[in-house]
Amino acid sequence: MRDESEIRAQYEFLAEELADEEMSHEGVKAMFTHYKRALGWVLEEEHM
């Protein structure tokens, strides 16, 4: 299992990628959104 700092780093990376104006293709945005949600759920479940 990955440690929290690695998961948070990936989450921050994905958030930055979603904010980038060059990421305008809807399929790519949808993919990153799904990964971002999944990482958020992992963080929530580990700290409940």
C-alpha atoms as a PDB file:
ATOM      1  CA  MET A   1       0.000   0.000   0.000  1.00  0.00           C
ATOM      2  CA  ARG A   2       1.213   3.464  -0.809  1.00  0.00           C
ATOM      3  CA  ASP A   3       1.910   5.878   1.981  1.00  0.00           C
ATOM      4  CA  GLU A   4      -0.190   9.005   2.495  1.00  0.00           C
ATOM      5  CA  SER A   5       2.441  11.433   1.171  1.00  0.00           C
ATOM      6  CA  GLU A   6       2.663   9.562  -2.148  1.00  0.00           C
ATOM      7  CA  ILE A   7      -1.127   9.522  -2.529  1.00  0.00           C
ATOM      8  CA  ARG A   8      -1.361  13.222  -1.681  1.00  0.00           C
ATOM      9  CA  ALA A   9       1.386  14.043  -4.208  1.00  0.00           C
ATOM     10  CA  GLN A  10      -0.515  12.180  -6.927  1.00  0.00           C
ATOM     11  CA  TYR A  11      -3.741  13.923  -5.942  1.00  0.00           C
ATOM     12  CA  GLU A  12      -2.083  17.343  -6.171  1.00  0.00           C
ATOM     13  CA  PHE A  13      -0.558  16.441  -9.552  1.00  0.00           C
ATOM     14  CA  LEU A  14      -3.956  15.435 -10.921  1.00  0.00           C
ATOM     15  CA  ALA A  15      -5.591  18.595  -9.570  1.00  0.00           C
ATOM     16  CA  GLU A  16      -2.953  20.714 -11.334  1.00  0.00           C
ATOM     17  CA  GLU A  17      -3.375  18.737 -14.571  1.00  0.00           C
ATOM     18  CA  LEU A  18      -7.152  19.268 -14.501  1.00  0.00           C
ATOM     19  CA  ALA A  19      -6.635  23.025 -14.044  1.00  0.00           C
ATOM     20  CA  ASP A  20      -4.244  23.239 -17.013  1.00  0.00           C
ATOM     21  CA  GLU A  21      -5.872  24.958 -20.000  1.00  0.00           C
ATOM     22  CA  GLU A  22      -4.200  22.527 -22.422  1.00  0.00           C
ATOM     23  CA  MET A  23      -6.225  19.673 -20.910  1.00  0.00           C
ATOM     24  CA  SER A  24      -9.280  20.662 -22.941  1.00  0.00           C
ATOM     25  CA  HIS A  25     -10.152  17.248 -24.399  1.00  0.00           C
ATOM     26  CA  GLU A  26     -13.247  16.022 -22.564  1.00  0.00           C
ATOM     27  CA  GLY A  27     -12.179  12.361 -22.479  1.00  0.00           C
ATOM     28  CA  VAL A  28      -8.881  13.252 -20.828  1.00  0.00           C
ATOM     29  CA  LYS A  29     -10.638  15.501 -18.310  1.00  0.00           C
ATOM     30  CA  ALA A  30     -13.094  12.726 -17.472  1.00  0.00           C
ATOM     31  CA  MET A  31     -10.264  10.242 -16.936  1.00  0.00           C
ATOM     32  CA  PHE A  32      -8.387  12.568 -14.586  1.00  0.00           C
ATOM     33  CA  THR A  33     -11.612  13.364 -12.726  1.00  0.00           C
ATOM     34  CA  HIS A  34     -12.197   9.652 -12.061  1.00  0.00           C
ATOM     35  CA  TYR A  35      -8.626   9.179 -10.803  1.00  0.00           C
ATOM     36  CA  LYS A  36      -8.923  12.270  -8.606  1.00  0.00           C
ATOM     37  CA  ARG A  37     -12.144  10.951  -7.049  1.00  0.00           C
ATOM     38  CA  ALA A  38     -10.618   7.522  -6.463  1.00  0.00           C
ATOM     39  CA  LEU A  39      -7.596   8.993  -4.694  1.00  0.00           C
ATOM     40  CA  GLY A  40      -9.874  11.178  -2.578  1.00  0.00           C
ATOM     41  CA  TRP A  41     -11.901   8.141  -1.511  1.00  0.00           C
ATOM     42  CA  VAL A  42      -8.743   6.255  -0.549  1.00  0.00           C
ATOM     43  CA  LEU A  43      -7.606   9.146   1.627  1.00  0.00           C
ATOM     44  CA  GLU A  44     -11.031   9.429   3.275  1.00  0.00           C
ATOM     45  CA  GLU A  45     -11.305   5.706   4.049  1.00  0.00           C
ATOM     46  CA  GLU A  46      -7.831   5.519   5.581  1.00  0.00           C
ATOM     47  CA  HIS A  47      -8.565   8.363   7.995  1.00  0.00           C
ATOM     48  CA  MET A  48     -12.068   7.483   9.178  1.00  0.00           C
END
